């Protein structure tokens, strides 16, 4: 580890060690790999909504393009689904 300290400095080595510990593998190989890749620094947290509002719509838009429930000429139109009186009339 001391060789890594000389090559990368105290701050980067400390950050790499913290990251290696947080991922559950604080080995020399992992710490060195983190330093070589330059991924020891935590990424800056994103601010804002990341464009989420462009995907939000009101309930009126949810089924605006849905297929109509009855298609003209559909044979199922004449069947009284769920209507007890219509079922009695068919018998």
N, C-alpha and C. Protein backbone atom coordinates (compact mmCIF):
# COMPACT_ATOMS: atom_id res chain seq x y z
N UNK A 1 0.82 -1.19 0.00
CA UNK A 1 0.00 0.00 0.00
C UNK A 1 0.87 1.27 0.00
N UNK A 2 2.02 1.18 0.61
CA UNK A 2 2.87 2.37 0.66
C UNK A 2 3.35 2.78 -0.72
N UNK A 3 3.56 1.81 -1.59
CA UNK A 3 3.95 2.12 -2.96
C UNK A 3 2.84 2.86 -3.69
N UNK A 4 1.60 2.47 -3.43
CA UNK A 4 0.46 3.17 -4.03
C UNK A 4 0.36 4.59 -3.49
N UNK A 5 0.70 4.75 -2.22
CA UNK A 5 0.67 6.08 -1.60
C UNK A 5 1.65 7.02 -2.29
N UNK A 6 2.84 6.52 -2.58
CA UNK A 6 3.85 7.36 -3.25
C UNK A 6 3.43 7.72 -4.67
N UNK A 7 2.81 6.75 -5.35
CA UNK A 7 2.44 6.97 -6.75
C UNK A 7 1.18 7.82 -6.91
N UNK A 8 0.18 7.61 -6.05
CA UNK A 8 -1.12 8.27 -6.23
C UNK A 8 -1.42 9.34 -5.18
N UNK A 9 -0.70 9.36 -4.08
CA UNK A 9 -0.94 10.37 -3.05
C UNK A 9 -1.90 9.88 -1.98
N UNK A 10 -1.83 10.58 -0.84
CA UNK A 10 -2.64 10.19 0.33
C UNK A 10 -4.14 10.27 0.07
N UNK A 11 -4.57 11.38 -0.51
CA UNK A 11 -6.02 11.60 -0.67
C UNK A 11 -6.65 10.55 -1.57
N UNK A 12 -6.01 10.27 -2.70
CA UNK A 12 -6.57 9.28 -3.63
C UNK A 12 -6.54 7.88 -3.03
N UNK A 13 -5.46 7.55 -2.32
CA UNK A 13 -5.36 6.24 -1.70
C UNK A 13 -6.45 6.06 -0.64
N UNK A 14 -6.65 7.08 0.18
CA UNK A 14 -7.70 7.03 1.20
C UNK A 14 -9.07 6.84 0.56
N UNK A 15 -9.33 7.58 -0.50
CA UNK A 15 -10.63 7.47 -1.19
C UNK A 15 -10.80 6.08 -1.79
N UNK A 16 -9.74 5.54 -2.37
CA UNK A 16 -9.81 4.20 -2.96
C UNK A 16 -10.03 3.14 -1.89
N UNK A 17 -9.38 3.31 -0.75
CA UNK A 17 -9.58 2.37 0.36
C UNK A 17 -11.02 2.42 0.87
N UNK A 18 -11.56 3.63 1.02
CA UNK A 18 -12.96 3.77 1.45
C UNK A 18 -13.90 3.08 0.47
N UNK A 19 -13.66 3.27 -0.81
CA UNK A 19 -14.52 2.66 -1.82
C UNK A 19 -14.39 1.14 -1.78
N UNK A 20 -13.17 0.63 -1.66
CA UNK A 20 -12.97 -0.82 -1.60
C UNK A 20 -13.67 -1.42 -0.39
N UNK A 21 -13.60 -0.74 0.73
CA UNK A 21 -14.28 -1.22 1.94
C UNK A 21 -15.79 -1.19 1.75
N UNK A 22 -16.30 -0.14 1.12
CA UNK A 22 -17.75 -0.02 0.94
C UNK A 22 -18.31 -1.08 0.00
N UNK A 23 -17.50 -1.57 -0.94
CA UNK A 23 -17.98 -2.63 -1.83
C UNK A 23 -17.69 -4.02 -1.28
N UNK A 24 -17.01 -4.07 -0.14
CA UNK A 24 -16.78 -5.34 0.54
C UNK A 24 -15.56 -6.12 0.10
N UNK A 25 -14.60 -5.46 -0.56
CA UNK A 25 -13.38 -6.14 -1.00
C UNK A 25 -12.17 -5.22 -0.81
N UNK A 26 -11.70 -5.08 0.44
CA UNK A 26 -10.59 -4.15 0.70
C UNK A 26 -9.21 -4.77 0.45
N UNK A 27 -9.06 -5.51 -0.63
CA UNK A 27 -7.76 -6.12 -0.94
C UNK A 27 -6.87 -5.13 -1.70
N UNK A 28 -5.57 -5.42 -1.69
CA UNK A 28 -4.60 -4.59 -2.41
C UNK A 28 -4.97 -4.52 -3.89
N UNK A 29 -5.33 -5.65 -4.44
CA UNK A 29 -5.66 -5.71 -5.87
C UNK A 29 -6.85 -4.80 -6.20
N UNK A 30 -7.86 -4.82 -5.36
CA UNK A 30 -9.04 -3.98 -5.59
C UNK A 30 -8.69 -2.51 -5.47
N UNK A 31 -7.96 -2.15 -4.42
CA UNK A 31 -7.56 -0.75 -4.22
C UNK A 31 -6.73 -0.26 -5.40
N UNK A 32 -5.78 -1.08 -5.84
CA UNK A 32 -4.95 -0.70 -6.98
C UNK A 32 -5.80 -0.54 -8.24
N UNK A 33 -6.73 -1.45 -8.46
CA UNK A 33 -7.60 -1.37 -9.63
C UNK A 33 -8.45 -0.11 -9.63
N UNK A 34 -8.92 0.27 -8.45
CA UNK A 34 -9.71 1.50 -8.33
C UNK A 34 -8.85 2.71 -8.68
N UNK A 35 -7.62 2.73 -8.18
CA UNK A 35 -6.72 3.85 -8.47
C UNK A 35 -6.33 3.91 -9.94
N UNK A 36 -6.03 2.77 -10.54
CA UNK A 36 -5.64 2.73 -11.95
C UNK A 36 -6.80 3.21 -12.82
N UNK A 37 -8.02 2.79 -12.48
CA UNK A 37 -9.19 3.20 -13.27
C UNK A 37 -9.61 4.63 -12.98
N UNK A 38 -9.13 5.17 -11.85
CA UNK A 38 -9.49 6.55 -11.49
C UNK A 38 -10.91 6.68 -11.00
N UNK A 39 -11.45 5.62 -10.41
CA UNK A 39 -12.84 5.64 -9.96
C UNK A 39 -12.97 5.78 -8.44
N UNK A 40 -11.91 6.27 -7.80
CA UNK A 40 -11.96 6.37 -6.35
C UNK A 40 -12.88 7.49 -5.86
N UNK A 41 -13.07 8.51 -6.67
CA UNK A 41 -13.92 9.63 -6.26
C UNK A 41 -15.39 9.26 -6.47
N UNK A 42 -16.20 9.60 -5.48
CA UNK A 42 -17.63 9.37 -5.62
C UNK A 42 -18.17 10.33 -6.67
N UNK A 43 -19.06 9.85 -7.54
CA UNK A 43 -19.62 10.76 -8.55
C UNK A 43 -20.49 11.82 -7.88
N UNK A 44 -20.51 12.98 -8.47
CA UNK A 44 -21.34 14.06 -7.94
C UNK A 44 -22.80 13.67 -8.07
N UNK A 45 -23.59 13.89 -7.03
CA UNK A 45 -25.02 13.56 -7.14
C UNK A 45 -25.69 14.46 -8.17
N UNK A 46 -26.56 13.87 -8.95
CA UNK A 46 -27.27 14.64 -9.96
C UNK A 46 -28.29 15.54 -9.29
N UNK A 47 -28.43 16.72 -9.84
CA UNK A 47 -29.40 17.65 -9.29
C UNK A 47 -30.57 17.76 -10.25
N UNK A 48 -31.68 18.20 -9.74
CA UNK A 48 -32.86 18.37 -10.59
C UNK A 48 -33.63 17.08 -10.73
N UNK A 49 -34.58 17.11 -11.62
CA UNK A 49 -35.45 15.95 -11.80
C UNK A 49 -35.01 15.05 -12.95
N UNK A 50 -33.92 15.37 -13.59
CA UNK A 50 -33.37 14.58 -14.70
C UNK A 50 -34.36 14.40 -15.83
N UNK A 51 -35.21 15.39 -16.04
CA UNK A 51 -36.14 15.34 -17.16
C UNK A 51 -37.37 14.50 -16.92
N UNK A 52 -37.65 14.15 -15.68
CA UNK A 52 -38.80 13.28 -15.40
C UNK A 52 -40.11 13.91 -15.84
N UNK A 53 -40.22 15.21 -15.78
CA UNK A 53 -41.49 15.84 -16.12
C UNK A 53 -41.88 15.63 -17.57
N UNK A 54 -40.93 15.34 -18.42
CA UNK A 54 -41.27 15.11 -19.82
C UNK A 54 -42.02 13.80 -20.01
N UNK A 55 -42.01 12.93 -19.01
CA UNK A 55 -42.73 11.67 -19.11
C UNK A 55 -44.00 11.64 -18.26
N UNK A 56 -44.29 12.71 -17.58
CA UNK A 56 -45.47 12.74 -16.73
C UNK A 56 -46.65 13.34 -17.49
N UNK A 57 -47.76 12.68 -17.42
CA UNK A 57 -48.98 13.15 -18.07
C UNK A 57 -50.14 12.95 -17.12
N UNK A 58 -51.20 13.67 -17.33
CA UNK A 58 -52.38 13.54 -16.51
C UNK A 58 -53.15 12.27 -16.83
N UNK A 59 -54.14 11.93 -16.00
CA UNK A 59 -54.91 10.70 -16.21
C UNK A 59 -55.68 10.69 -17.53
N UNK A 60 -56.04 11.86 -18.04
CA UNK A 60 -56.79 11.92 -19.30
C UNK A 60 -55.95 11.43 -20.48
N UNK A 61 -54.64 11.46 -20.36
CA UNK A 61 -53.76 11.01 -21.44
C UNK A 61 -53.40 9.53 -21.33
N UNK A 62 -53.70 8.92 -20.20
CA UNK A 62 -53.26 7.56 -19.96
C UNK A 62 -53.81 6.58 -20.99
N UNK A 63 -55.12 6.66 -21.26
CA UNK A 63 -55.73 5.74 -22.21
C UNK A 63 -56.27 6.46 -23.43
N UNK A 64 -55.71 7.60 -23.76
CA UNK A 64 -56.21 8.40 -24.88
C UNK A 64 -56.08 7.67 -26.21
N UNK A 65 -55.09 6.83 -26.37
CA UNK A 65 -54.90 6.14 -27.64
C UNK A 65 -55.27 4.67 -27.55
N UNK A 66 -56.01 4.28 -26.53
CA UNK A 66 -56.39 2.87 -26.36
C UNK A 66 -57.37 2.46 -27.45
N UNK A 67 -57.41 1.19 -27.75
CA UNK A 67 -58.33 0.65 -28.74
C UNK A 67 -59.75 0.73 -28.18
N UNK A 68 -60.73 1.15 -28.97
CA UNK A 68 -62.10 1.23 -28.47
C UNK A 68 -62.58 -0.15 -28.00
N UNK A 69 -63.46 -0.15 -27.00
CA UNK A 69 -63.92 -1.41 -26.45
C UNK A 69 -64.85 -2.15 -27.39
N UNK A 70 -65.60 -1.44 -28.22
CA UNK A 70 -66.49 -2.09 -29.17
C UNK A 70 -66.09 -1.70 -30.59
N UNK A 71 -65.92 -2.69 -31.42
CA UNK A 71 -65.56 -2.46 -32.81
C UNK A 71 -66.83 -2.64 -33.63
N UNK A 72 -67.14 -1.70 -34.52
CA UNK A 72 -68.36 -1.84 -35.33
C UNK A 72 -68.37 -3.18 -36.06
N UNK A 73 -69.53 -3.86 -36.00
CA UNK A 73 -69.67 -5.15 -36.65
C UNK A 73 -69.17 -6.31 -35.82
N UNK A 74 -68.72 -6.06 -34.62
CA UNK A 74 -68.22 -7.11 -33.74
C UNK A 74 -69.41 -7.92 -33.25
N UNK A 75 -69.35 -9.23 -33.36
CA UNK A 75 -70.47 -10.08 -32.96
C UNK A 75 -70.68 -10.05 -31.45
N UNK A 76 -69.72 -9.64 -30.71
CA UNK A 76 -69.86 -9.59 -29.26
C UNK A 76 -70.71 -8.42 -28.80
N UNK A 77 -71.02 -7.48 -29.68
CA UNK A 77 -71.81 -6.32 -29.29
C UNK A 77 -73.20 -6.72 -28.82
N UNK A 78 -73.76 -7.76 -29.44
CA UNK A 78 -75.13 -8.14 -29.14
C UNK A 78 -75.23 -9.02 -27.90
N UNK A 79 -74.13 -9.48 -27.38
CA UNK A 79 -74.16 -10.33 -26.20
C UNK A 79 -74.15 -9.43 -24.97
N UNK A 80 -75.11 -9.58 -24.10
CA UNK A 80 -75.21 -8.76 -22.89
C UNK A 80 -74.32 -9.29 -21.80
N UNK A 81 -73.07 -9.06 -21.88
CA UNK A 81 -72.13 -9.55 -20.88
C UNK A 81 -72.47 -8.98 -19.51
N UNK A 82 -72.65 -9.88 -18.55
CA UNK A 82 -72.90 -9.46 -17.19
C UNK A 82 -74.33 -9.02 -16.93
N UNK A 83 -75.22 -9.09 -17.88
CA UNK A 83 -76.61 -8.67 -17.71
C UNK A 83 -77.45 -9.91 -17.45
N UNK A 84 -77.95 -10.06 -16.24
CA UNK A 84 -78.71 -11.25 -15.85
C UNK A 84 -80.00 -11.36 -16.66
N UNK A 85 -80.69 -10.24 -16.95
CA UNK A 85 -81.94 -10.28 -17.72
C UNK A 85 -81.69 -10.78 -19.13
N UNK A 86 -80.59 -10.38 -19.73
CA UNK A 86 -80.27 -10.82 -21.09
C UNK A 86 -79.95 -12.31 -21.11
N UNK A 87 -79.33 -12.82 -20.06
CA UNK A 87 -79.02 -14.24 -19.99
C UNK A 87 -80.30 -15.05 -19.85
N UNK A 88 -81.26 -14.55 -19.08
CA UNK A 88 -82.55 -15.23 -18.91
C UNK A 88 -83.31 -15.24 -20.23
N UNK A 89 -83.23 -14.17 -20.99
CA UNK A 89 -83.95 -14.08 -22.26
C UNK A 89 -83.38 -15.06 -23.28
N UNK A 90 -82.10 -15.36 -23.19
CA UNK A 90 -81.47 -16.28 -24.13
C UNK A 90 -81.86 -17.73 -23.86
N UNK A 91 -82.34 -18.04 -22.67
CA UNK A 91 -82.66 -19.43 -22.31
C UNK A 91 -84.01 -19.84 -22.74
